[in-house]
């Protein structure tokens, strides 16, 4: 069974449509009312936000690692092929 090329994009959009943030996440994570005087740069990001940022960085790092690995493998194959020369 073959899926169309737009299938992953449609699946991602369907998953994104169901995602949502809770309206009181900041209040739940801080344990109460947030006072503007007590909010600093360290306390402004909740655990969930930091986790999402780390996931994005992890995915990007994995993609870069795969590209570097693939390029090295292709370069090694090209060196082994007879009749190819680098100028």
Protein backbone atom coordinates (compact mmCIF):
# COMPACT_ATOMS: atom_id res chain seq x y z
CA UNK A 1 0.00 0.00 0.00
CA UNK A 2 1.48 3.30 -1.07
CA UNK A 3 0.58 6.59 0.54
CA UNK A 4 0.61 9.90 -1.31
CA UNK A 5 3.48 12.28 -0.64
CA UNK A 6 1.15 14.66 1.19
CA UNK A 7 0.13 11.99 3.72
CA UNK A 8 2.78 12.89 6.37
CA UNK A 9 1.82 16.56 6.15
CA UNK A 10 -1.86 15.72 6.54
CA UNK A 11 -1.09 13.48 9.50
CA UNK A 12 0.96 16.23 11.13
CA UNK A 13 -1.80 18.80 10.61
CA UNK A 14 -4.37 16.41 12.09
CA UNK A 15 -2.18 15.91 15.17
CA UNK A 16 -1.52 19.65 15.48
CA UNK A 17 -5.24 20.41 15.31
CA UNK A 18 -5.89 18.30 18.40
CA UNK A 19 -3.02 19.81 20.39
CA UNK A 20 -3.75 22.64 22.76
CA UNK A 21 -2.33 24.34 25.79
CA UNK A 22 -4.23 24.44 29.00
CA UNK A 23 -5.33 28.00 29.84
CA UNK A 24 -3.95 27.92 33.38
CA UNK A 25 -0.63 26.08 32.79
CA UNK A 26 1.44 28.97 34.14
CA UNK A 27 -0.65 29.10 37.31
CA UNK A 28 -0.50 25.34 37.87
CA UNK A 29 3.28 25.15 37.46
CA UNK A 30 4.01 28.12 39.71
CA UNK A 31 1.76 26.92 42.50
CA UNK A 32 -0.43 29.98 42.60
CA UNK A 33 -0.85 33.49 41.32
CA UNK A 34 2.07 34.92 39.36
CA UNK A 35 3.13 38.30 40.64
CA UNK A 36 4.95 40.49 38.12
CA UNK A 37 7.57 41.50 40.68
CA UNK A 38 8.68 37.90 41.30
CA UNK A 39 8.91 36.73 37.69
CA UNK A 40 12.50 36.57 36.49
CA UNK A 41 14.02 35.17 33.33
CA UNK A 42 14.73 31.81 35.00
CA UNK A 43 11.23 31.36 36.36
CA UNK A 44 9.39 32.52 33.25
CA UNK A 45 9.80 29.18 31.41
CA UNK A 46 7.93 26.21 32.80
CA UNK A 47 9.13 22.63 32.67
CA UNK A 48 6.82 21.87 29.75
CA UNK A 49 8.18 24.77 27.73
CA UNK A 50 11.77 23.74 28.37
CA UNK A 51 10.93 20.16 27.41
CA UNK A 52 9.41 21.30 24.11
CA UNK A 53 12.46 23.44 23.34
CA UNK A 54 14.75 20.49 24.09
CA UNK A 55 12.69 18.24 21.82
CA UNK A 56 13.05 20.69 18.93
CA UNK A 57 16.81 20.99 19.53
CA UNK A 58 17.08 17.21 19.71
CA UNK A 59 15.22 16.71 16.43
CA UNK A 60 17.35 19.32 14.68
CA UNK A 61 20.52 17.76 16.09
CA UNK A 62 19.44 14.32 14.88
CA UNK A 63 18.75 15.70 11.40
CA UNK A 64 22.18 17.35 11.22
CA UNK A 65 23.82 14.13 12.43
CA UNK A 66 22.01 12.11 9.74
CA UNK A 67 23.03 14.57 7.01
CA UNK A 68 26.68 14.50 8.07
CA UNK A 69 26.65 10.70 8.27
CA UNK A 70 25.04 10.36 4.84
CA UNK A 71 27.45 12.82 3.23
CA UNK A 72 30.43 10.95 4.67
CA UNK A 73 29.09 7.63 3.38
CA UNK A 74 28.48 9.08 -0.08
CA UNK A 75 31.97 10.58 -0.15
CA UNK A 76 33.47 7.22 0.83
CA UNK A 77 31.51 5.43 -1.90
CA UNK A 78 32.58 7.98 -4.47
CA UNK A 79 36.25 7.48 -3.60
CA UNK A 80 35.91 3.72 -4.02
CA UNK A 81 34.23 3.83 -7.43
CA UNK A 82 36.63 3.28 -10.36
CA UNK A 83 36.69 5.87 -13.10
CA UNK A 84 35.75 8.82 -10.94
CA UNK A 85 38.27 11.52 -10.34
CA UNK A 86 38.20 14.61 -8.25
CA UNK A 87 39.49 17.79 -9.76
